[in-house]
Amino acid sequence: MAAEQGDEKDGLDVDLKSLSSEGLVELIQQLEGSRHHGLRKRAQKELVDRLKGQGFTSQRIAILLTTNVYGVVKKRAIAKEWADALGVTPNELMRLIGK
């Protein structure tokens, strides 16, 4: 997969397909708050696609993302961050977790 234009300009390109699922999670965590927003979004999508390929539903993934997260504000922030990767809106993701 080619890098996002902003990521490419900064010399950052990662072959997401070659990373393990654990490697994807680590990359997503490391890129939180960085200027490599496009790469983080692609990594999130890759991880979600792998989970769905293993039989996870969007609801199950949404629940996993918000397990041990307390407060609606924090859950909404997660919904906003991960909704695109799941192919839903942030409001739909909140409904999936029962909020």
PDB file of N, CA and C in Angstrom:
ATOM      1  N   MET A   1       0.838  -1.176   0.000  1.00  0.00           N
ATOM      2  CA  MET A   1       0.000   0.000   0.000  1.00  0.00           C
ATOM      3  C   MET A   1       0.885   1.243   0.000  1.00  0.00           C
ATOM      4  N   ALA A   2       0.584   2.185  -0.804  1.00  0.00           N
ATOM      5  CA  ALA A   2       1.372   3.412  -0.858  1.00  0.00           C
ATOM      6  C   ALA A   2       1.073   4.273   0.362  1.00  0.00           C
ATOM      7  N   ALA A   3       2.017   5.054   0.736  1.00  0.00           N
ATOM      8  CA  ALA A   3       1.844   5.938   1.893  1.00  0.00           C
ATOM      9  C   ALA A   3       0.946   7.104   1.530  1.00  0.00           C
ATOM     10  N   GLU A   4       0.312   7.656   2.547  1.00  0.00           N
ATOM     11  CA  GLU A   4      -0.442   8.884   2.358  1.00  0.00           C
ATOM     12  C   GLU A   4       0.545   9.967   1.944  1.00  0.00           C
ATOM     13  N   GLN A   5       0.065  10.966   1.205  1.00  0.00           N
ATOM     14  CA  GLN A   5       0.974  11.994   0.716  1.00  0.00           C
ATOM     15  C   GLN A   5       1.749  12.662   1.839  1.00  0.00           C
ATOM     16  N   GLY A   6       1.079  13.028   2.934  1.00  0.00           N
ATOM     17  CA  GLY A   6       1.761  13.680   4.039  1.00  0.00           C
ATOM     18  C   GLY A   6       2.793  12.774   4.685  1.00  0.00           C
ATOM     19  N   ASP A   7       2.466  11.492   4.801  1.00  0.00           N
ATOM     20  CA  ASP A   7       3.391  10.535   5.395  1.00  0.00           C
ATOM     21  C   ASP A   7       4.594  10.318   4.479  1.00  0.00           C
ATOM     22  N   GLU A   8       4.335  10.233   3.185  1.00  0.00           N
ATOM     23  CA  GLU A   8       5.400  10.008   2.204  1.00  0.00           C
ATOM     24  C   GLU A   8       6.383  11.178   2.212  1.00  0.00           C
ATOM     25  N   LYS A   9       5.845  12.387   2.319  1.00  0.00           N
ATOM     26  CA  LYS A   9       6.675  13.590   2.334  1.00  0.00           C
ATOM     27  C   LYS A   9       7.626  13.570   3.531  1.00  0.00           C
ATOM     28  N   ASP A  10       7.181  12.988   4.634  1.00  0.00           N
ATOM     29  CA  ASP A  10       7.997  12.908   5.840  1.00  0.00           C
ATOM     30  C   ASP A  10       8.897  11.673   5.843  1.00  0.00           C
ATOM     31  N   GLY A  11       8.879  10.896   4.759  1.00  0.00           N
ATOM     32  CA  GLY A  11       9.743   9.738   4.653  1.00  0.00           C
ATOM     33  C   GLY A  11       9.247   8.526   5.422  1.00  0.00           C
ATOM     34  N   LEU A  12       7.967   8.492   5.770  1.00  0.00           N
ATOM     35  CA  LEU A  12       7.418   7.375   6.538  1.00  0.00           C
ATOM     36  C   LEU A  12       6.508   6.540   5.643  1.00  0.00           C
ATOM     37  N   ASP A  13       6.882   5.281   5.437  1.00  0.00           N
ATOM     38  CA  ASP A  13       6.049   4.353   4.679  1.00  0.00           C
ATOM     39  C   ASP A  13       6.191   2.993   5.339  1.00  0.00           C
ATOM     40  N   VAL A  14       5.077   2.376   5.641  1.00  0.00           N
ATOM     41  CA  VAL A  14       5.073   1.097   6.333  1.00  0.00           C
ATOM     42  C   VAL A  14       4.241   0.112   5.528  1.00  0.00           C
ATOM     43  N   ASP A  15       4.776  -1.081   5.314  1.00  0.00           N
ATOM     44  CA  ASP A  15       4.022  -2.145   4.651  1.00  0.00           C
ATOM     45  C   ASP A  15       3.145  -2.796   5.711  1.00  0.00           C
ATOM     46  N   LEU A  16       1.903  -2.338   5.807  1.00  0.00           N
ATOM     47  CA  LEU A  16       0.994  -2.796   6.856  1.00  0.00           C
ATOM     48  C   LEU A  16       0.679  -4.282   6.746  1.00  0.00           C
ATOM     49  N   LYS A  17       0.646  -4.797   5.531  1.00  0.00           N
ATOM     50  CA  LYS A  17       0.330  -6.209   5.315  1.00  0.00           C
ATOM     51  C   LYS A  17       1.385  -7.125   5.929  1.00  0.00           C
ATOM     52  N   SER A  18       2.610  -6.638   6.034  1.00  0.00           N
ATOM     53  CA  SER A  18       3.694  -7.474   6.559  1.00  0.00           C
ATOM     54  C   SER A  18       3.733  -7.494   8.090  1.00  0.00           C
ATOM     55  N   LEU A  19       3.001  -6.599   8.732  1.00  0.00           N
ATOM     56  CA  LEU A  19       2.994  -6.554  10.197  1.00  0.00           C
ATOM     57  C   LEU A  19       2.039  -7.596  10.761  1.00  0.00           C
ATOM     58  N   SER A  20       2.385  -8.122  11.920  1.00  0.00           N
ATOM     59  CA  SER A  20       1.459  -8.990  12.643  1.00  0.00           C
ATOM     60  C   SER A  20       0.330  -8.118  13.195  1.00  0.00           C
ATOM     61  N   SER A  21      -0.721  -8.748  13.659  1.00  0.00           N
ATOM     62  CA  SER A  21      -1.811  -7.979  14.269  1.00  0.00           C
ATOM     63  C   SER A  21      -1.314  -7.222  15.500  1.00  0.00           C
ATOM     64  N   GLU A  22      -0.448  -7.855  16.264  1.00  0.00           N
ATOM     65  CA  GLU A  22       0.135  -7.185  17.428  1.00  0.00           C
ATOM     66  C   GLU A  22       0.994  -5.994  16.995  1.00  0.00           C
ATOM     67  N   GLY A  23       1.700  -6.162  15.892  1.00  0.00           N
ATOM     68  CA  GLY A  23       2.498  -5.074  15.346  1.00  0.00           C
ATOM     69  C   GLY A  23       1.641  -3.907  14.903  1.00  0.00           C
ATOM     70  N   LEU A  24       0.478  -4.213  14.334  1.00  0.00           N
ATOM     71  CA  LEU A  24      -0.454  -3.151  13.939  1.00  0.00           C
ATOM     72  C   LEU A  24      -0.945  -2.384  15.159  1.00  0.00           C
ATOM     73  N   VAL A  25      -1.310  -3.119  16.206  1.00  0.00           N
ATOM     74  CA  VAL A  25      -1.779  -2.470  17.432  1.00  0.00           C
ATOM     75  C   VAL A  25      -0.695  -1.557  17.990  1.00  0.00           C
ATOM     76  N   GLU A  26       0.528  -2.050  18.020  1.00  0.00           N
ATOM     77  CA  GLU A  26       1.650  -1.248  18.531  1.00  0.00           C
ATOM     78  C   GLU A  26       1.861   0.005  17.677  1.00  0.00           C
ATOM     79  N   LEU A  27       1.801  -0.148  16.354  1.00  0.00           N
ATOM     80  CA  LEU A  27       1.962   0.993  15.454  1.00  0.00           C
ATOM     81  C   LEU A  27       0.862   2.028  15.683  1.00  0.00           C
ATOM     82  N   ILE A  28      -0.377   1.557  15.802  1.00  0.00           N
ATOM     83  CA  ILE A  28      -1.505   2.467  16.033  1.00  0.00           C
ATOM     84  C   ILE A  28      -1.291   3.248  17.323  1.00  0.00           C
ATOM     85  N   GLN A  29      -0.850   2.565  18.360  1.00  0.00           N
ATOM     86  CA  GLN A  29      -0.594   3.229  19.641  1.00  0.00           C
ATOM     87  C   GLN A  29       0.547   4.242  19.523  1.00  0.00           C
ATOM     88  N   GLN A  30       1.605   3.871  18.831  1.00  0.00           N
ATOM     89  CA  GLN A  30       2.756   4.766  18.695  1.00  0.00           C
ATOM     90  C   GLN A  30       2.421   6.008  17.874  1.00  0.00           C
ATOM     91  N   LEU A  31       1.503   5.869  16.923  1.00  0.00           N
ATOM     92  CA  LEU A  31       1.161   6.996  16.056  1.00  0.00           C
ATOM     93  C   LEU A  31       0.081   7.904  16.634  1.00  0.00           C
ATOM     94  N   GLU A  32      -0.472   7.542  17.782  1.00  0.00           N
ATOM     95  CA  GLU A  32      -1.507   8.377  18.388  1.00  0.00           C
ATOM     96  C   GLU A  32      -0.954   9.759  18.671  1.00  0.00           C
ATOM     97  N   GLY A  33      -1.640  10.760  18.176  1.00  0.00           N
ATOM     98  CA  GLY A  33      -1.227  12.140  18.379  1.00  0.00           C
ATOM     99  C   GLY A  33      -0.111  12.614  17.463  1.00  0.00           C
ATOM    100  N   SER A  34       0.362  11.743  16.573  1.00  0.00           N
ATOM    101  CA  SER A  34       1.441  12.147  15.674  1.00  0.00           C
ATOM    102  C   SER A  34       0.872  12.854  14.446  1.00  0.00           C
ATOM    103  N   ARG A  35       1.763  13.326  13.622  1.00  0.00           N
ATOM    104  CA  ARG A  35       1.333  13.981  12.380  1.00  0.00           C
ATOM    105  C   ARG A  35       1.049  12.964  11.270  1.00  0.00           C
ATOM    106  N   HIS A  36       1.221  11.695  11.551  1.00  0.00           N
ATOM    107  CA  HIS A  36       1.010  10.640  10.559  1.00  0.00           C
ATOM    108  C   HIS A  36      -0.398  10.065  10.662  1.00  0.00           C
ATOM    109  N   HIS A  37      -1.368  10.959  10.606  1.00  0.00           N
ATOM    110  CA  HIS A  37      -2.770  10.600  10.779  1.00  0.00           C
ATOM    111  C   HIS A  37      -3.238   9.595   9.710  1.00  0.00           C
ATOM    112  N   GLY A  38      -2.832   9.812   8.475  1.00  0.00           N
ATOM    113  CA  GLY A  38      -3.250   8.926   7.381  1.00  0.00           C
ATOM    114  C   GLY A  38      -2.738   7.507   7.563  1.00  0.00           C
ATOM    115  N   LEU A  39      -1.498   7.370   7.982  1.00  0.00           N
ATOM    116  CA  LEU A  39      -0.925   6.050   8.217  1.00  0.00           C
ATOM    117  C   LEU A  39      -1.650   5.357   9.369  1.00  0.00           C
ATOM    118  N   ARG A  40      -1.960   6.098  10.402  1.00  0.00           N
ATOM    119  CA  ARG A  40      -2.682   5.515  11.547  1.00  0.00           C
ATOM    120  C   ARG A  40      -4.059   5.022  11.105  1.00  0.00           C
ATOM    121  N   LYS A  41      -4.761   5.808  10.318  1.00  0.00           N
ATOM    122  CA  LYS A  41      -6.080   5.410   9.814  1.00  0.00           C
ATOM    123  C   LYS A  41      -5.979   4.138   8.972  1.00  0.00           C
ATOM    124  N   ARG A  42      -4.958   4.048   8.127  1.00  0.00           N
ATOM    125  CA  ARG A  42      -4.778   2.845   7.299  1.00  0.00           C
ATOM    126  C   ARG A  42      -4.481   1.627   8.159  1.00  0.00           C
ATOM    127  N   ALA A  43      -3.696   1.815   9.212  1.00  0.00           N
ATOM    128  CA  ALA A  43      -3.376   0.712  10.118  1.00  0.00           C
ATOM    129  C   ALA A  43      -4.632   0.253  10.868  1.00  0.00           C
ATOM    130  N   GLN A  44      -5.461   1.198  11.277  1.00  0.00           N
ATOM    131  CA  GLN A  44      -6.715   0.849  11.939  1.00  0.00           C
ATOM    132  C   GLN A  44      -7.593   0.019  11.005  1.00  0.00           C
ATOM    133  N   LYS A  45      -7.704   0.463   9.770  1.00  0.00           N
ATOM    134  CA  LYS A  45      -8.537  -0.240   8.781  1.00  0.00           C
ATOM    135  C   LYS A  45      -7.991  -1.647   8.534  1.00  0.00           C
ATOM    136  N   GLU A  46      -6.688  -1.783   8.415  1.00  0.00           N
ATOM    137  CA  GLU A  46      -6.061  -3.093   8.211  1.00  0.00           C
ATOM    138  C   GLU A  46      -6.378  -4.017   9.386  1.00  0.00           C
ATOM    139  N   LEU A  47      -6.283  -3.504  10.598  1.00  0.00           N
ATOM    140  CA  LEU A  47      -6.574  -4.316  11.775  1.00  0.00           C
ATOM    141  C   LEU A  47      -8.040  -4.748  11.801  1.00  0.00           C
ATOM    142  N   VAL A  48      -8.944  -3.830  11.525  1.00  0.00           N
ATOM    143  CA  VAL A  48     -10.378  -4.151  11.499  1.00  0.00           C
ATOM    144  C   VAL A  48     -10.668  -5.197  10.415  1.00  0.00           C
ATOM    145  N   ASP A  49     -10.073  -5.032   9.246  1.00  0.00           N
ATOM    146  CA  ASP A  49     -10.282  -5.997   8.164  1.00  0.00           C
ATOM    147  C   ASP A  49      -9.814  -7.395   8.574  1.00  0.00           C
ATOM    148  N   ARG A  50      -8.680  -7.458   9.270  1.00  0.00           N
ATOM    149  CA  ARG A  50      -8.181  -8.765   9.729  1.00  0.00           C
ATOM    150  C   ARG A  50      -9.136  -9.392  10.738  1.00  0.00           C
ATOM    151  N   LEU A  51      -9.627  -8.573  11.668  1.00  0.00           N
ATOM    152  CA  LEU A  51     -10.553  -9.095  12.670  1.00  0.00           C
ATOM    153  C   LEU A  51     -11.852  -9.577  12.025  1.00  0.00           C
ATOM    154  N   LYS A  52     -12.351  -8.810  11.073  1.00  0.00           N
ATOM    155  CA  LYS A  52     -13.572  -9.231  10.377  1.00  0.00           C
ATOM    156  C   LYS A  52     -13.321 -10.514   9.589  1.00  0.00           C
ATOM    157  N   GLY A  53     -12.137 -10.657   9.033  1.00  0.00           N
ATOM    158  CA  GLY A  53     -11.763 -11.870   8.323  1.00  0.00           C
ATOM    159  C   GLY A  53     -11.719 -13.088   9.232  1.00  0.00           C
ATOM    160  N   GLN A  54     -11.543 -12.848  10.528  1.00  0.00           N
ATOM    161  CA  GLN A  54     -11.530 -13.923  11.519  1.00  0.00           C
ATOM    162  C   GLN A  54     -12.913 -14.154  12.123  1.00  0.00           C
ATOM    163  N   GLY A  55     -13.920 -13.433  11.598  1.00  0.00           N
ATOM    164  CA  GLY A  55     -15.292 -13.647  12.055  1.00  0.00           C
ATOM    165  C   GLY A  55     -15.812 -12.664  13.083  1.00  0.00           C
ATOM    166  N   PHE A  56     -15.022 -11.661  13.445  1.00  0.00           N
ATOM    167  CA  PHE A  56     -15.492 -10.657  14.387  1.00  0.00           C
ATOM    168  C   PHE A  56     -16.512  -9.751  13.700  1.00  0.00           C
ATOM    169  N   THR A  57     -17.580  -9.414  14.399  1.00  0.00           N
ATOM    170  CA  THR A  57     -18.567  -8.469  13.870  1.00  0.00           C
ATOM    171  C   THR A  57     -18.142  -7.048  14.233  1.00  0.00           C
ATOM    172  N   SER A  58     -18.739  -6.069  13.572  1.00  0.00           N
ATOM    173  CA  SER A  58     -18.457  -4.669  13.907  1.00  0.00           C
ATOM    174  C   SER A  58     -18.817  -4.392  15.361  1.00  0.00           C
ATOM    175  N   GLN A  59     -19.899  -4.992  15.834  1.00  0.00           N
ATOM    176  CA  GLN A  59     -20.305  -4.783  17.216  1.00  0.00           C
ATOM    177  C   GLN A  59     -19.266  -5.346  18.184  1.00  0.00           C
ATOM    178  N   ARG A  60     -18.776  -6.527  17.914  1.00  0.00           N
ATOM    179  CA  ARG A  60     -17.774  -7.145  18.791  1.00  0.00           C
ATOM    180  C   ARG A  60     -16.492  -6.306  18.824  1.00  0.00           C
ATOM    181  N   ILE A  61     -16.070  -5.808  17.669  1.00  0.00           N
ATOM    182  CA  ILE A  61     -14.871  -4.968  17.606  1.00  0.00           C
ATOM    183  C   ILE A  61     -15.093  -3.678  18.394  1.00  0.00           C
ATOM    184  N   ALA A  62     -16.271  -3.067  18.223  1.00  0.00           N
ATOM    185  CA  ALA A  62     -16.588  -1.829  18.943  1.00  0.00           C
ATOM    186  C   ALA A  62     -16.559  -2.064  20.452  1.00  0.00           C
ATOM    187  N   ILE A  63     -17.088  -3.196  20.881  1.00  0.00           N
ATOM    188  CA  ILE A  63     -17.087  -3.516  22.309  1.00  0.00           C
ATOM    189  C   ILE A  63     -15.652  -3.716  22.800  1.00  0.00           C
ATOM    190  N   LEU A  64     -14.832  -4.406  22.018  1.00  0.00           N
ATOM    191  CA  LEU A  64     -13.429  -4.598  22.405  1.00  0.00           C
ATOM    192  C   LEU A  64     -12.697  -3.263  22.539  1.00  0.00           C
ATOM    193  N   LEU A  65     -12.987  -2.337  21.622  1.00  0.00           N
ATOM    194  CA  LEU A  65     -12.324  -1.029  21.652  1.00  0.00           C
ATOM    195  C   LEU A  65     -12.681  -0.212  22.886  1.00  0.00           C
ATOM    196  N   THR A  66     -13.864  -0.451  23.431  1.00  0.00           N
ATOM    197  CA  THR A  66     -14.332   0.372  24.547  1.00  0.00           C
ATOM    198  C   THR A  66     -14.376  -0.381  25.877  1.00  0.00           C
ATOM    199  N   THR A  67     -13.889  -1.612  25.898  1.00  0.00           N
ATOM    200  CA  THR A  67     -13.826  -2.356  27.147  1.00  0.00           C
ATOM    201  C   THR A  67     -12.874  -1.643  28.107  1.00  0.00           C
ATOM    202  N   ASN A  68     -13.307  -1.522  29.342  1.00  0.00           N
ATOM    203  CA  ASN A  68     -12.533  -0.853  30.402  1.00  0.00           C
ATOM    204  C   ASN A  68     -12.314   0.632  30.132  1.00  0.00           C
ATOM    205  N   VAL A  69     -13.150   1.214  29.295  1.00  0.00           N
ATOM    206  CA  VAL A  69     -13.126   2.660  29.070  1.00  0.00           C
ATOM    207  C   VAL A  69     -14.366   3.210  29.752  1.00  0.00           C
ATOM    208  N   TYR A  70     -14.173   4.125  30.667  1.00  0.00           N
ATOM    209  CA  TYR A  70     -15.286   4.646  31.441  1.00  0.00           C
ATOM    210  C   TYR A  70     -15.578   6.081  31.043  1.00  0.00           C
ATOM    211  N   GLY A  71     -16.850   6.375  30.943  1.00  0.00           N
ATOM    212  CA  GLY A  71     -17.305   7.713  30.593  1.00  0.00           C
ATOM    213  C   GLY A  71     -17.683   7.818  29.129  1.00  0.00           C
ATOM    214  N   VAL A  72     -18.820   8.445  28.901  1.00  0.00           N
ATOM    215  CA  VAL A  72     -19.341   8.593  27.545  1.00  0.00           C
ATOM    216  C   VAL A  72     -18.432   9.466  26.692  1.00  0.00           C
ATOM    217  N   VAL A  73     -17.807  10.461  27.286  1.00  0.00           N
ATOM    218  CA  VAL A  73     -16.927  11.357  26.524  1.00  0.00           C
ATOM    219  C   VAL A  73     -15.753  10.576  25.940  1.00  0.00           C
ATOM    220  N   LYS A  74     -15.153   9.713  26.740  1.00  0.00           N
ATOM    221  CA  LYS A  74     -14.033   8.910  26.270  1.00  0.00           C
ATOM    222  C   LYS A  74     -14.490   7.912  25.203  1.00  0.00           C
ATOM    223  N   LYS A  75     -15.664   7.329  25.397  1.00  0.00           N
ATOM    224  CA  LYS A  75     -16.186   6.376  24.414  1.00  0.00           C
ATOM    225  C   LYS A  75     -16.509   7.076  23.099  1.00  0.00           C
ATOM    226  N   ARG A  76     -17.017   8.295  23.177  1.00  0.00           N
ATOM    227  CA  ARG A  76     -17.288   9.063  21.951  1.00  0.00           C
ATOM    228  C   ARG A  76     -15.996   9.380  21.204  1.00  0.00           C
ATOM    229  N   ALA A  77     -14.939   9.671  21.931  1.00  0.00           N
ATOM    230  CA  ALA A  77     -13.642   9.945  21.297  1.00  0.00           C
ATOM    231  C   ALA A  77     -13.151   8.700  20.557  1.00  0.00           C
ATOM    232  N   ILE A  78     -13.316   7.536  21.161  1.00  0.00           N
ATOM    233  CA  ILE A  78     -12.938   6.285  20.508  1.00  0.00           C
ATOM    234  C   ILE A  78     -13.816   6.056  19.285  1.00  0.00           C
ATOM    235  N   ALA A  79     -15.118   6.320  19.426  1.00  0.00           N
ATOM    236  CA  ALA A  79     -16.047   6.149  18.304  1.00  0.00           C
ATOM    237  C   ALA A  79     -15.648   7.030  17.130  1.00  0.00           C
ATOM    238  N   LYS A  80     -15.287   8.258  17.422  1.00  0.00           N
ATOM    239  CA  LYS A  80     -14.875   9.187  16.363  1.00  0.00           C
ATOM    240  C   LYS A  80     -13.589   8.698  15.683  1.00  0.00           C
ATOM    241  N   GLU A  81     -12.659   8.187  16.478  1.00  0.00           N
ATOM    242  CA  GLU A  81     -11.364   7.748  15.963  1.00  0.00           C
ATOM    243  C   GLU A  81     -11.457   6.473  15.123  1.00  0.00           C
ATOM    244  N   TRP A  82     -12.364   5.550  15.475  1.00  0.00           N
ATOM    245  CA  TRP A  82     -12.404   4.232  14.846  1.00  0.00           C
ATOM    246  C   TRP A  82     -13.579   4.013  13.892  1.00  0.00           C
ATOM    247  N   ALA A  83     -14.525   4.930  13.832  1.00  0.00           N
ATOM    248  CA  ALA A  83     -15.724   4.731  13.024  1.00  0.00           C
ATOM    249  C   ALA A  83     -15.399   4.460  11.549  1.00  0.00           C
ATOM    250  N   ASP A  84     -14.506   5.226  10.968  1.00  0.00           N
ATOM    251  CA  ASP A  84     -14.156   5.028   9.556  1.00  0.00           C
ATOM    252  C   ASP A  84     -13.614   3.627   9.302  1.00  0.00           C
ATOM    253  N   ALA A  85     -12.756   3.156  10.184  1.00  0.00           N
ATOM    254  CA  ALA A  85     -12.162   1.828  10.013  1.00  0.00           C
ATOM    255  C   ALA A  85     -13.230   0.739  10.051  1.00  0.00           C
ATOM    256  N   LEU A  86     -14.274   0.958  10.857  1.00  0.00           N
ATOM    257  CA  LEU A  86     -15.360  -0.012  10.961  1.00  0.00           C
ATOM    258  C   LEU A  86     -16.419   0.178   9.876  1.00  0.00           C
ATOM    259  N   GLY A  87     -16.342   1.279   9.150  1.00  0.00           N
ATOM    260  CA  GLY A  87     -17.309   1.544   8.091  1.00  0.00           C
ATOM    261  C   GLY A  87     -18.660   2.008   8.609  1.00  0.00           C
ATOM    262  N   VAL A  88     -18.642   2.680   9.767  1.00  0.00           N
ATOM    263  CA  VAL A  88     -19.871   3.208  10.363  1.00  0.00           C
ATOM    264  C   VAL A  88     -19.627   4.656  10.764  1.00  0.00           C
ATOM    265  N   THR A  89     -20.698   5.332  11.160  1.00  0.00           N
ATOM    266  CA  THR A  89     -20.548   6.687  11.696  1.00  0.00           C
ATOM    267  C   THR A  89     -20.241   6.578  13.190  1.00  0.00           C
ATOM    268  N   PRO A  90     -19.711   7.644  13.781  1.00  0.00           N
ATOM    269  CA  PRO A  90     -19.477   7.606  15.230  1.00  0.00           C
ATOM    270  C   PRO A  90     -20.757   7.307  16.022  1.00  0.00           C
ATOM    271  N   ASN A  91     -21.892   7.858  15.587  1.00  0.00           N
ATOM    272  CA  ASN A  91     -23.157   7.585  16.282  1.00  0.00           C
ATOM    273  C   ASN A  91     -23.548   6.118  16.165  1.00  0.00           C
ATOM    274  N   GLU A  92     -23.327   5.525  14.999  1.00  0.00           N
ATOM    275  CA  GLU A  92     -23.623   4.106  14.824  1.00  0.00           C
ATOM    276  C   GLU A  92     -22.722   3.251  15.711  1.00  0.00           C
ATOM    277  N   LEU A  93     -21.454   3.635  15.833  1.00  0.00           N
ATOM    278  CA  LEU A  93     -20.547   2.891  16.703  1.00  0.00           C
ATOM    279  C   LEU A  93     -21.021   2.987  18.149  1.00  0.00           C
ATOM    280  N   MET A  94     -21.484   4.133  18.571  1.00  0.00           N
ATOM    281  CA  MET A  94     -22.008   4.279  19.938  1.00  0.00           C
ATOM    282  C   MET A  94     -23.233   3.388  20.139  1.00  0.00           C
ATOM    283  N   ARG A  95     -24.076   3.270  19.125  1.00  0.00           N
ATOM    284  CA  ARG A  95     -25.238   2.376  19.227  1.00  0.00           C
ATOM    285  C   ARG A  95     -24.792   0.916  19.328  1.00  0.00           C
ATOM    286  N   LEU A  96     -23.725   0.573  18.607  1.00  0.00           N
ATOM    287  CA  LEU A  96     -23.219  -0.799  18.666  1.00  0.00           C
ATOM    288  C   LEU A  96     -22.776  -1.200  20.070  1.00  0.00           C
ATOM    289  N   ILE A  97     -22.273  -0.237  20.821  1.00  0.00           N
ATOM    290  CA  ILE A  97     -21.825  -0.543  22.182  1.00  0.00           C
ATOM    291  C   ILE A  97     -22.924  -0.290  23.210  1.00  0.00           C
ATOM    292  N   GLY A  98     -24.095   0.097  22.724  1.00  0.00           N
ATOM    293  CA  GLY A  98     -25.231   0.270  23.632  1.00  0.00           C
ATOM    294  C   GLY A  98     -25.303   1.614  24.319  1.00  0.00           C
ATOM    295  N   LYS A  99     -24.731   2.629  23.711  1.00  0.00           N
ATOM    296  CA  LYS A  99     -24.775   3.978  24.293  1.00  0.00           C
ATOM    297  C   LYS A  99     -25.560   4.919  23.418  1.00  0.00           C
TER     298      LYS A  99
END
